[in-house]
Amino acid sequence: MKNSLLKVVFILIAVAFMGTLSSCGYNSMVAKRENVDGEWSKVQSAYQRRSDLIPNLIETVKGSAKFEQETLEKVVAARSRATSIQLSADDLTEENLAKFQAAQAQLSGALSRLLAISENYPDLKTTEAFRDLQAQLEGTENRINTERNNFNEAVKDYNAFIQQFPRNFTASWFKFEKKAYFKADAGTEVAPKVKF
């Protein structure tokens, strides 16, 4: 009799505990954290697509004879740095995301210089392979921007949810921590001056 009463009490406590977790937002926190992780995967996928296009672009450019070797080497080095930084969704701190973003910004800058210098080579600009790769890179940059915006929205939703009362107690208890946002690259707040 005593054992069966203890079992009933234990079951009631377990049910009450599960009900408390459900009403305190634990399951929603898990779902929102998974959404952030999923959006981060999309960001990484978009950056990987860009990284995968670069060797093809470089080979196409190399085939156009007198192209500046230094520029190609900078693109290769920037791609290497950008792909060497692996950041999991669990490590999305301000510091880690800033390092990841800085490496990606260096790669973006090197690619911009590569595409700008190509203006000096009319034969290169007219090749179908170069035009196709340039269009794919432009499309990829747009995808990266879209995925970064989607990621920031998911982070905003998650961060707000875990900080609201009374869920903030559950978040603290189960170690749900704030995630970092992507931020604009340094200097982008100043509009470029165009002169003719």
N, C-alpha and C. Protein backbone atom coordinates (compact mmCIF):
# COMPACT_ATOMS: atom_id res chain seq x y z
N MET A 1 0.83 -1.19 0.00
CA MET A 1 0.00 0.00 0.00
C MET A 1 0.88 1.26 0.00
N LYS A 2 1.93 1.22 0.82
CA LYS A 2 2.81 2.36 0.95
C LYS A 2 3.55 2.61 -0.38
N ASN A 3 4.02 1.54 -1.03
CA ASN A 3 4.72 1.66 -2.32
C ASN A 3 3.81 2.20 -3.40
N SER A 4 2.57 1.75 -3.44
CA SER A 4 1.65 2.23 -4.48
C SER A 4 1.30 3.69 -4.25
N LEU A 5 1.21 4.10 -2.99
CA LEU A 5 0.94 5.51 -2.69
C LEU A 5 2.13 6.37 -3.12
N LEU A 6 3.36 5.88 -2.89
CA LEU A 6 4.55 6.61 -3.32
C LEU A 6 4.61 6.71 -4.84
N LYS A 7 4.22 5.66 -5.55
CA LYS A 7 4.21 5.68 -7.00
C LYS A 7 3.21 6.71 -7.51
N VAL A 8 2.03 6.75 -6.90
CA VAL A 8 1.01 7.72 -7.31
C VAL A 8 1.51 9.14 -7.06
N VAL A 9 2.11 9.37 -5.90
CA VAL A 9 2.63 10.71 -5.58
C VAL A 9 3.74 11.08 -6.56
N PHE A 10 4.62 10.14 -6.86
CA PHE A 10 5.71 10.39 -7.81
C PHE A 10 5.15 10.73 -9.19
N ILE A 11 4.16 9.98 -9.63
CA ILE A 11 3.55 10.24 -10.94
C ILE A 11 2.89 11.61 -10.95
N LEU A 12 2.19 11.97 -9.88
CA LEU A 12 1.55 13.29 -9.81
C LEU A 12 2.59 14.41 -9.84
N ILE A 13 3.69 14.21 -9.13
CA ILE A 13 4.76 15.22 -9.13
C ILE A 13 5.36 15.33 -10.53
N ALA A 14 5.59 14.20 -11.18
CA ALA A 14 6.15 14.22 -12.54
C ALA A 14 5.21 14.93 -13.50
N VAL A 15 3.91 14.64 -13.42
CA VAL A 15 2.92 15.28 -14.29
C VAL A 15 2.88 16.78 -14.01
N ALA A 16 2.91 17.15 -12.73
CA ALA A 16 2.90 18.58 -12.38
C ALA A 16 4.16 19.27 -12.90
N PHE A 17 5.29 18.59 -12.78
CA PHE A 17 6.56 19.16 -13.27
C PHE A 17 6.50 19.36 -14.78
N MET A 18 5.99 18.36 -15.50
CA MET A 18 5.88 18.48 -16.95
C MET A 18 4.92 19.60 -17.32
N GLY A 19 3.84 19.73 -16.59
CA GLY A 19 2.90 20.82 -16.84
C GLY A 19 3.53 22.17 -16.59
N THR A 20 4.37 22.24 -15.56
CA THR A 20 5.07 23.49 -15.25
C THR A 20 6.02 23.85 -16.38
N LEU A 21 6.76 22.85 -16.87
CA LEU A 21 7.69 23.11 -17.98
C LEU A 21 6.94 23.60 -19.20
N SER A 22 5.80 23.00 -19.47
CA SER A 22 5.02 23.40 -20.64
C SER A 22 4.50 24.82 -20.49
N SER A 23 3.99 25.15 -19.32
CA SER A 23 3.41 26.48 -19.14
C SER A 23 4.47 27.56 -18.97
N CYS A 24 5.69 27.19 -18.61
CA CYS A 24 6.73 28.20 -18.42
C CYS A 24 7.48 28.48 -19.71
N GLY A 25 7.09 27.84 -20.80
CA GLY A 25 7.66 28.16 -22.10
C GLY A 25 8.85 27.32 -22.50
N TYR A 26 9.19 26.29 -21.75
CA TYR A 26 10.37 25.49 -22.08
C TYR A 26 10.29 24.94 -23.50
N ASN A 27 9.18 24.33 -23.84
CA ASN A 27 9.05 23.74 -25.18
C ASN A 27 9.13 24.81 -26.27
N SER A 28 8.55 25.95 -26.01
CA SER A 28 8.64 27.05 -26.99
C SER A 28 10.06 27.56 -27.13
N MET A 29 10.79 27.59 -26.01
CA MET A 29 12.20 28.01 -26.07
C MET A 29 13.01 27.05 -26.92
N VAL A 30 12.75 25.76 -26.75
CA VAL A 30 13.46 24.77 -27.55
C VAL A 30 13.14 24.97 -29.03
N ALA A 31 11.86 25.17 -29.34
CA ALA A 31 11.45 25.37 -30.74
C ALA A 31 12.10 26.62 -31.32
N LYS A 32 12.14 27.70 -30.56
CA LYS A 32 12.72 28.95 -31.05
C LYS A 32 14.24 28.83 -31.21
N ARG A 33 14.87 28.11 -30.29
CA ARG A 33 16.31 27.89 -30.41
C ARG A 33 16.61 27.06 -31.66
N GLU A 34 15.80 26.06 -31.91
CA GLU A 34 15.97 25.24 -33.12
C GLU A 34 15.75 26.07 -34.37
N ASN A 35 14.83 27.02 -34.33
CA ASN A 35 14.61 27.92 -35.46
C ASN A 35 15.85 28.76 -35.72
N VAL A 36 16.46 29.28 -34.66
CA VAL A 36 17.71 30.06 -34.80
C VAL A 36 18.79 29.17 -35.42
N ASP A 37 18.91 27.94 -34.92
CA ASP A 37 19.91 27.02 -35.46
C ASP A 37 19.66 26.73 -36.94
N GLY A 38 18.39 26.55 -37.30
CA GLY A 38 18.04 26.31 -38.70
C GLY A 38 18.38 27.49 -39.59
N GLU A 39 18.07 28.69 -39.13
CA GLU A 39 18.39 29.90 -39.89
C GLU A 39 19.90 30.07 -40.02
N TRP A 40 20.64 29.72 -38.97
CA TRP A 40 22.11 29.80 -39.03
C TRP A 40 22.63 28.85 -40.11
N SER A 41 22.04 27.67 -40.21
CA SER A 41 22.45 26.71 -41.24
C SER A 41 22.24 27.29 -42.63
N LYS A 42 21.17 28.04 -42.82
CA LYS A 42 20.92 28.66 -44.13
C LYS A 42 21.96 29.74 -44.43
N VAL A 43 22.35 30.49 -43.40
CA VAL A 43 23.41 31.50 -43.59
C VAL A 43 24.70 30.81 -44.02
N GLN A 44 25.06 29.75 -43.30
CA GLN A 44 26.28 29.03 -43.64
C GLN A 44 26.21 28.44 -45.04
N SER A 45 25.05 27.95 -45.42
CA SER A 45 24.88 27.37 -46.75
C SER A 45 25.08 28.44 -47.84
N ALA A 46 24.55 29.64 -47.61
CA ALA A 46 24.71 30.72 -48.59
C ALA A 46 26.18 31.12 -48.71
N TYR A 47 26.88 31.22 -47.57
CA TYR A 47 28.31 31.54 -47.62
C TYR A 47 29.09 30.42 -48.29
N GLN A 48 28.70 29.17 -48.06
CA GLN A 48 29.38 28.04 -48.69
C GLN A 48 29.20 28.08 -50.20
N ARG A 49 28.00 28.45 -50.65
CA ARG A 49 27.75 28.56 -52.09
C ARG A 49 28.71 29.57 -52.71
N ARG A 50 28.87 30.72 -52.04
CA ARG A 50 29.79 31.74 -52.56
C ARG A 50 31.21 31.18 -52.60
N SER A 51 31.61 30.51 -51.54
CA SER A 51 32.95 29.95 -51.47
C SER A 51 33.17 28.91 -52.57
N ASP A 52 32.14 28.14 -52.88
CA ASP A 52 32.25 27.13 -53.93
C ASP A 52 32.36 27.74 -55.33
N LEU A 53 31.79 28.91 -55.52
CA LEU A 53 31.84 29.57 -56.84
C LEU A 53 33.21 30.20 -57.12
N ILE A 54 33.93 30.56 -56.07
CA ILE A 54 35.18 31.31 -56.23
C ILE A 54 36.23 30.57 -57.05
N PRO A 55 36.49 29.26 -56.81
CA PRO A 55 37.51 28.59 -57.64
C PRO A 55 37.17 28.64 -59.13
N ASN A 56 35.90 28.50 -59.48
CA ASN A 56 35.50 28.58 -60.89
C ASN A 56 35.75 29.98 -61.45
N LEU A 57 35.44 30.99 -60.66
CA LEU A 57 35.66 32.37 -61.08
C LEU A 57 37.16 32.61 -61.30
N ILE A 58 37.98 32.14 -60.38
CA ILE A 58 39.42 32.35 -60.48
C ILE A 58 39.98 31.65 -61.72
N GLU A 59 39.56 30.43 -61.96
CA GLU A 59 40.04 29.71 -63.14
C GLU A 59 39.62 30.42 -64.43
N THR A 60 38.41 30.95 -64.45
CA THR A 60 37.94 31.68 -65.63
C THR A 60 38.78 32.93 -65.84
N VAL A 61 39.07 33.63 -64.75
CA VAL A 61 39.85 34.86 -64.83
C VAL A 61 41.29 34.56 -65.23
N LYS A 62 41.87 33.49 -64.68
CA LYS A 62 43.25 33.12 -65.02
C LYS A 62 43.40 32.88 -66.52
N GLY A 63 42.36 32.35 -67.13
CA GLY A 63 42.42 32.07 -68.55
C GLY A 63 42.46 33.32 -69.40
N SER A 64 42.25 34.46 -68.81
CA SER A 64 42.24 35.70 -69.56
C SER A 64 43.58 36.40 -69.47
N ALA A 65 44.63 35.65 -69.65
CA ALA A 65 46.02 36.09 -69.80
C ALA A 65 46.54 37.03 -68.73
N LYS A 66 46.65 38.32 -69.01
CA LYS A 66 47.44 39.27 -68.24
C LYS A 66 46.78 39.74 -66.94
N PHE A 67 45.93 38.97 -66.40
CA PHE A 67 45.21 39.42 -65.21
C PHE A 67 46.14 39.53 -64.01
N GLU A 68 45.89 40.50 -63.13
CA GLU A 68 46.75 40.74 -61.97
C GLU A 68 46.78 39.54 -61.03
N GLN A 69 47.94 38.94 -60.89
CA GLN A 69 48.12 37.77 -60.04
C GLN A 69 47.88 38.11 -58.57
N GLU A 70 48.30 39.30 -58.17
CA GLU A 70 48.16 39.71 -56.77
C GLU A 70 46.69 39.71 -56.34
N THR A 71 45.82 40.18 -57.20
CA THR A 71 44.40 40.22 -56.89
C THR A 71 43.85 38.80 -56.71
N LEU A 72 44.24 37.91 -57.60
CA LEU A 72 43.81 36.51 -57.50
C LEU A 72 44.29 35.89 -56.19
N GLU A 73 45.54 36.16 -55.83
CA GLU A 73 46.09 35.62 -54.60
C GLU A 73 45.35 36.14 -53.38
N LYS A 74 44.94 37.41 -53.41
CA LYS A 74 44.19 37.98 -52.29
C LYS A 74 42.82 37.32 -52.16
N VAL A 75 42.18 37.03 -53.28
CA VAL A 75 40.88 36.36 -53.24
C VAL A 75 41.05 34.95 -52.66
N VAL A 76 42.07 34.24 -53.11
CA VAL A 76 42.32 32.88 -52.61
C VAL A 76 42.60 32.91 -51.11
N ALA A 77 43.43 33.85 -50.68
CA ALA A 77 43.76 33.96 -49.25
C ALA A 77 42.53 34.32 -48.42
N ALA A 78 41.73 35.25 -48.91
CA ALA A 78 40.52 35.65 -48.18
C ALA A 78 39.52 34.50 -48.10
N ARG A 79 39.41 33.73 -49.19
CA ARG A 79 38.52 32.56 -49.18
C ARG A 79 39.01 31.54 -48.15
N SER A 80 40.30 31.35 -48.09
CA SER A 80 40.88 30.41 -47.14
C SER A 80 40.58 30.83 -45.70
N ARG A 81 40.75 32.12 -45.40
CA ARG A 81 40.46 32.63 -44.05
C ARG A 81 38.97 32.48 -43.73
N ALA A 82 38.13 32.81 -44.70
CA ALA A 82 36.69 32.76 -44.47
C ALA A 82 36.20 31.34 -44.22
N THR A 83 36.76 30.39 -44.95
CA THR A 83 36.31 29.01 -44.77
C THR A 83 36.96 28.33 -43.56
N SER A 84 38.02 28.91 -43.02
CA SER A 84 38.68 28.31 -41.85
C SER A 84 37.91 28.59 -40.56
N ILE A 85 37.05 29.58 -40.57
CA ILE A 85 36.28 29.91 -39.37
C ILE A 85 34.97 29.13 -39.41
N GLN A 86 34.90 28.11 -38.57
CA GLN A 86 33.70 27.29 -38.46
C GLN A 86 32.99 27.70 -37.17
N LEU A 87 31.76 28.09 -37.28
CA LEU A 87 31.01 28.58 -36.12
C LEU A 87 29.71 27.81 -36.03
N SER A 88 29.55 27.07 -34.93
CA SER A 88 28.31 26.31 -34.75
C SER A 88 27.25 27.21 -34.13
N ALA A 89 26.02 26.77 -34.22
CA ALA A 89 24.91 27.57 -33.68
C ALA A 89 25.02 27.72 -32.17
N ASP A 90 25.71 26.81 -31.50
CA ASP A 90 25.88 26.90 -30.05
C ASP A 90 26.89 27.97 -29.65
N ASP A 91 27.73 28.41 -30.59
CA ASP A 91 28.80 29.37 -30.30
C ASP A 91 28.50 30.77 -30.84
N LEU A 92 27.25 31.12 -30.98
CA LEU A 92 26.89 32.41 -31.59
C LEU A 92 26.97 33.55 -30.58
N THR A 93 28.19 33.80 -30.11
CA THR A 93 28.41 34.93 -29.21
C THR A 93 28.78 36.15 -30.06
N GLU A 94 28.72 37.31 -29.44
CA GLU A 94 29.08 38.56 -30.14
C GLU A 94 30.49 38.45 -30.71
N GLU A 95 31.43 37.97 -29.90
CA GLU A 95 32.84 37.89 -30.31
C GLU A 95 33.04 36.92 -31.47
N ASN A 96 32.47 35.73 -31.35
CA ASN A 96 32.63 34.72 -32.41
C ASN A 96 31.98 35.16 -33.71
N LEU A 97 30.80 35.74 -33.61
CA LEU A 97 30.11 36.19 -34.81
C LEU A 97 30.86 37.35 -35.46
N ALA A 98 31.48 38.20 -34.65
CA ALA A 98 32.28 39.32 -35.20
C ALA A 98 33.48 38.79 -35.98
N LYS A 99 34.15 37.74 -35.48
CA LYS A 99 35.28 37.14 -36.19
C LYS A 99 34.82 36.53 -37.51
N PHE A 100 33.71 35.81 -37.46
CA PHE A 100 33.17 35.19 -38.67
C PHE A 100 32.82 36.26 -39.69
N GLN A 101 32.15 37.30 -39.23
CA GLN A 101 31.72 38.37 -40.11
C GLN A 101 32.91 39.13 -40.70
N ALA A 102 33.96 39.33 -39.91
CA ALA A 102 35.16 40.04 -40.42
C ALA A 102 35.82 39.24 -41.54
N ALA A 103 35.91 37.93 -41.37
CA ALA A 103 36.52 37.09 -42.42
C ALA A 103 35.67 37.12 -43.68
N GLN A 104 34.36 37.09 -43.54
CA GLN A 104 33.47 37.13 -44.71
C GLN A 104 33.55 38.50 -45.38
N ALA A 105 33.71 39.57 -44.59
CA ALA A 105 33.83 40.91 -45.17
C ALA A 105 35.12 41.05 -45.98
N GLN A 106 36.20 40.45 -45.50
CA GLN A 106 37.46 40.47 -46.26
C GLN A 106 37.29 39.76 -47.59
N LEU A 107 36.58 38.65 -47.59
CA LEU A 107 36.33 37.93 -48.82
C LEU A 107 35.46 38.76 -49.76
N SER A 108 34.44 39.41 -49.23
CA SER A 108 33.59 40.27 -50.06
C SER A 108 34.40 41.38 -50.70
N GLY A 109 35.30 41.99 -49.92
CA GLY A 109 36.15 43.06 -50.44
C GLY A 109 37.07 42.57 -51.55
N ALA A 110 37.67 41.40 -51.34
CA ALA A 110 38.58 40.85 -52.36
C ALA A 110 37.81 40.52 -53.64
N LEU A 111 36.61 39.97 -53.50
CA LEU A 111 35.79 39.68 -54.68
C LEU A 111 35.40 40.96 -55.41
N SER A 112 35.07 42.00 -54.65
CA SER A 112 34.71 43.28 -55.28
C SER A 112 35.87 43.83 -56.09
N ARG A 113 37.08 43.74 -55.53
CA ARG A 113 38.26 44.22 -56.27
C ARG A 113 38.49 43.39 -57.52
N LEU A 114 38.28 42.09 -57.40
CA LEU A 114 38.44 41.21 -58.56
C LEU A 114 37.46 41.59 -59.66
N LEU A 115 36.23 41.80 -59.30
CA LEU A 115 35.22 42.15 -60.30
C LEU A 115 35.46 43.55 -60.87
N ALA A 116 35.94 44.47 -60.04
CA ALA A 116 36.21 45.83 -60.51
C ALA A 116 37.39 45.86 -61.48
N ILE A 117 38.43 45.11 -61.18
CA ILE A 117 39.61 45.08 -62.05
C ILE A 117 39.28 44.45 -63.39
N SER A 118 38.30 43.56 -63.38
CA SER A 118 37.93 42.89 -64.64
C SER A 118 37.42 43.89 -65.67
N GLU A 119 37.04 45.08 -65.24
CA GLU A 119 36.61 46.12 -66.18
C GLU A 119 37.72 46.48 -67.17
N ASN A 120 38.97 46.29 -66.75
CA ASN A 120 40.12 46.62 -67.62
C ASN A 120 40.38 45.56 -68.68
N TYR A 121 39.65 44.47 -68.64
CA TYR A 121 39.88 43.36 -69.56
C TYR A 121 38.61 43.04 -70.35
N PRO A 122 38.41 43.73 -71.46
CA PRO A 122 37.17 43.54 -72.24
C PRO A 122 36.96 42.10 -72.68
N ASP A 123 38.06 41.39 -73.00
CA ASP A 123 37.90 39.99 -73.42
C ASP A 123 37.32 39.14 -72.29
N LEU A 124 37.75 39.43 -71.08
CA LEU A 124 37.25 38.68 -69.92
C LEU A 124 35.77 38.97 -69.71
N LYS A 125 35.40 40.24 -69.78
CA LYS A 125 34.01 40.64 -69.54
C LYS A 125 33.05 40.02 -70.55
N THR A 126 33.52 39.73 -71.74
CA THR A 126 32.63 39.22 -72.77
C THR A 126 32.51 37.70 -72.77
N THR A 127 33.35 37.01 -71.99
CA THR A 127 33.24 35.55 -71.98
C THR A 127 31.98 35.14 -71.24
N GLU A 128 31.31 34.16 -71.81
CA GLU A 128 30.05 33.69 -71.23
C GLU A 128 30.26 33.11 -69.83
N ALA A 129 31.36 32.39 -69.64
CA ALA A 129 31.63 31.78 -68.33
C ALA A 129 31.78 32.85 -67.25
N PHE A 130 32.51 33.92 -67.57
CA PHE A 130 32.70 34.99 -66.59
C PHE A 130 31.37 35.68 -66.27
N ARG A 131 30.59 35.97 -67.30
CA ARG A 131 29.29 36.62 -67.08
C ARG A 131 28.38 35.75 -66.22
N ASP A 132 28.37 34.44 -66.51
CA ASP A 132 27.54 33.53 -65.73
C ASP A 132 27.98 33.48 -64.27
N LEU A 133 29.29 33.38 -64.07
CA LEU A 133 29.80 33.34 -62.70
C LEU A 133 29.53 34.64 -61.96
N GLN A 134 29.68 35.75 -62.65
CA GLN A 134 29.42 37.05 -62.04
C GLN A 134 27.94 37.14 -61.63
N ALA A 135 27.04 36.69 -62.49
CA ALA A 135 25.61 36.71 -62.16
C ALA A 135 25.31 35.78 -60.98
N GLN A 136 25.96 34.61 -60.95
CA GLN A 136 25.74 33.70 -59.84
C GLN A 136 26.26 34.28 -58.53
N LEU A 137 27.41 34.96 -58.58
CA LEU A 137 27.93 35.60 -57.37
C LEU A 137 27.01 36.72 -56.89
N GLU A 138 26.49 37.52 -57.81
CA GLU A 138 25.55 38.58 -57.42
C GLU A 138 24.31 37.98 -56.77
N GLY A 139 23.79 36.90 -57.37
CA GLY A 139 22.63 36.22 -56.79
C GLY A 139 22.93 35.64 -55.42
N THR A 140 24.14 35.10 -55.27
CA THR A 140 24.54 34.53 -53.99
C THR A 140 24.66 35.61 -52.93
N GLU A 141 25.22 36.76 -53.29
CA GLU A 141 25.32 37.86 -52.33
C GLU A 141 23.92 38.28 -51.86
N ASN A 142 22.95 38.29 -52.77
CA ASN A 142 21.58 38.60 -52.39
C ASN A 142 21.02 37.54 -51.44
N ARG A 143 21.32 36.26 -51.72
CA ARG A 143 20.88 35.19 -50.83
C ARG A 143 21.49 35.33 -49.45
N ILE A 144 22.77 35.66 -49.42
CA ILE A 144 23.45 35.83 -48.13
C ILE A 144 22.75 36.92 -47.33
N ASN A 145 22.45 38.04 -47.97
CA ASN A 145 21.78 39.13 -47.28
C ASN A 145 20.41 38.70 -46.77
N THR A 146 19.66 37.98 -47.60
CA THR A 146 18.34 37.51 -47.19
C THR A 146 18.45 36.56 -46.00
N GLU A 147 19.37 35.61 -46.08
CA GLU A 147 19.52 34.64 -44.99
C GLU A 147 20.01 35.30 -43.70
N ARG A 148 20.88 36.29 -43.82
CA ARG A 148 21.31 37.02 -42.63
C ARG A 148 20.14 37.76 -41.98
N ASN A 149 19.29 38.37 -42.80
CA ASN A 149 18.11 39.06 -42.27
C ASN A 149 17.16 38.08 -41.60
N ASN A 150 16.94 36.92 -42.23
CA ASN A 150 16.08 35.90 -41.63
C ASN A 150 16.65 35.39 -40.31
N PHE A 151 17.97 35.21 -40.28
CA PHE A 151 18.64 34.79 -39.05
C PHE A 151 18.45 35.83 -37.95
N ASN A 152 18.66 37.10 -38.28
CA ASN A 152 18.50 38.15 -37.27
C ASN A 152 17.07 38.20 -36.73
N GLU A 153 16.08 37.97 -37.60
CA GLU A 153 14.69 37.94 -37.13
C GLU A 153 14.46 36.77 -36.17
N ALA A 154 15.02 35.61 -36.48
CA ALA A 154 14.88 34.45 -35.60
C ALA A 154 15.57 34.70 -34.26
N VAL A 155 16.74 35.33 -34.30
CA VAL A 155 17.47 35.65 -33.07
C VAL A 155 16.67 36.65 -32.24
N LYS A 156 16.11 37.65 -32.89
CA LYS A 156 15.30 38.64 -32.17
C LYS A 156 14.13 37.98 -31.46
N ASP A 157 13.43 37.11 -32.16
CA ASP A 157 12.28 36.40 -31.59
C ASP A 157 12.71 35.54 -30.41
N TYR A 158 13.78 34.80 -30.58
CA TYR A 158 14.29 33.91 -29.53
C TYR A 158 14.76 34.72 -28.31
N ASN A 159 15.60 35.74 -28.55
CA ASN A 159 16.13 36.54 -27.44
C ASN A 159 15.02 37.22 -26.65
N ALA A 160 14.03 37.76 -27.34
CA ALA A 160 12.91 38.42 -26.64
C ALA A 160 12.12 37.39 -25.83
N PHE A 161 11.90 36.24 -26.40
CA PHE A 161 11.10 35.20 -25.73
C PHE A 161 11.76 34.74 -24.44
N ILE A 162 13.06 34.48 -24.46
CA ILE A 162 13.72 33.95 -23.27
C ILE A 162 13.94 35.01 -22.18
N GLN A 163 13.78 36.28 -22.53
CA GLN A 163 13.99 37.34 -21.54
C GLN A 163 12.69 37.82 -20.89
N GLN A 164 11.55 37.37 -21.40
CA GLN A 164 10.27 37.83 -20.87
C GLN A 164 9.91 37.06 -19.59
N PHE A 165 9.30 37.77 -18.67
CA PHE A 165 8.85 37.18 -17.41
C PHE A 165 7.62 36.33 -17.67
N PRO A 166 7.47 35.19 -17.12
CA PRO A 166 8.30 34.44 -16.18
C PRO A 166 9.25 33.48 -16.86
N ARG A 167 9.27 33.49 -18.21
CA ARG A 167 10.12 32.54 -18.94
C ARG A 167 11.61 32.77 -18.67
N ASN A 168 11.96 33.97 -18.25
CA ASN A 168 13.38 34.25 -18.00
C ASN A 168 13.94 33.35 -16.89
N PHE A 169 13.09 32.94 -15.93
CA PHE A 169 13.54 32.03 -14.88
C PHE A 169 13.84 30.65 -15.47
N THR A 170 12.93 30.18 -16.32
CA THR A 170 13.12 28.88 -16.96
C THR A 170 14.35 28.92 -17.87
N ALA A 171 14.50 30.00 -18.62
CA ALA A 171 15.65 30.14 -19.51
C ALA A 171 16.95 30.10 -18.72
N SER A 172 16.98 30.77 -17.60
CA SER A 172 18.18 30.77 -16.75
C SER A 172 18.43 29.39 -16.18
N TRP A 173 17.39 28.74 -15.73
CA TRP A 173 17.51 27.43 -15.11
C TRP A 173 18.04 26.39 -16.10
N PHE A 174 17.55 26.45 -17.35
CA PHE A 174 17.95 25.48 -18.36
C PHE A 174 19.05 26.00 -19.30
N LYS A 175 19.65 27.13 -18.93
CA LYS A 175 20.79 27.70 -19.66
C LYS A 175 20.49 28.04 -21.12
N PHE A 176 19.33 28.63 -21.35
CA PHE A 176 19.03 29.21 -22.66
C PHE A 176 19.66 30.59 -22.67
N GLU A 177 20.67 30.78 -23.51
CA GLU A 177 21.41 32.03 -23.53
C GLU A 177 21.10 32.83 -24.78
N LYS A 178 21.27 34.15 -24.66
CA LYS A 178 21.03 35.02 -25.81
C LYS A 178 21.98 34.66 -26.94
N LYS A 179 21.49 34.85 -28.16
CA LYS A 179 22.29 34.65 -29.36
C LYS A 179 22.68 36.01 -29.92
N ALA A 180 23.78 36.05 -30.65
CA ALA A 180 24.28 37.30 -31.23
C ALA A 180 23.64 37.55 -32.59
N TYR A 181 23.58 38.81 -32.96
CA TYR A 181 23.06 39.24 -34.26
C TYR A 181 24.20 39.49 -35.23
N PHE A 182 23.88 39.41 -36.53
CA PHE A 182 24.78 39.95 -37.53
C PHE A 182 24.65 41.46 -37.46
N LYS A 183 25.76 42.15 -37.61
CA LYS A 183 25.74 43.61 -37.61
C LYS A 183 26.31 44.10 -38.93
N ALA A 184 26.02 45.33 -39.26
CA ALA A 184 26.55 45.93 -40.49
C ALA A 184 28.07 46.00 -40.39
N ASP A 185 28.73 45.82 -41.51
CA ASP A 185 30.18 45.94 -41.55
C ASP A 185 30.58 47.38 -41.25
N ALA A 186 31.74 47.54 -40.66
CA ALA A 186 32.24 48.87 -40.32
C ALA A 186 32.32 49.74 -41.56
N GLY A 187 31.85 50.96 -41.45
CA GLY A 187 31.93 51.90 -42.55
C GLY A 187 30.73 51.91 -43.47
N THR A 188 29.83 50.94 -43.33
CA THR A 188 28.68 50.89 -44.23
C THR A 188 27.62 51.95 -43.90
N GLU A 189 27.78 52.57 -42.74
CA GLU A 189 26.82 53.62 -42.40
C GLU A 189 27.07 54.91 -43.19
N VAL A 190 28.23 55.01 -43.83
CA VAL A 190 28.57 56.18 -44.63
C VAL A 190 28.32 55.86 -46.11
N ALA A 191 27.46 56.64 -46.72
CA ALA A 191 27.13 56.41 -48.14
C ALA A 191 28.34 56.75 -49.01
N PRO A 192 28.63 55.92 -50.01
CA PRO A 192 29.76 56.24 -50.90
C PRO A 192 29.44 57.46 -51.75
N LYS A 193 30.48 58.24 -52.06
CA LYS A 193 30.31 59.42 -52.90
C LYS A 193 30.60 59.05 -54.33
N VAL A 194 29.70 59.39 -55.20
CA VAL A 194 29.86 59.09 -56.61
C VAL A 194 30.11 60.40 -57.35
N LYS A 195 31.22 60.45 -58.12
CA LYS A 195 31.56 61.65 -58.87
C LYS A 195 31.70 61.27 -60.34
N PHE A 196 31.21 62.16 -61.20
CA PHE A 196 31.33 61.94 -62.65
C PHE A 196 32.24 62.99 -63.24
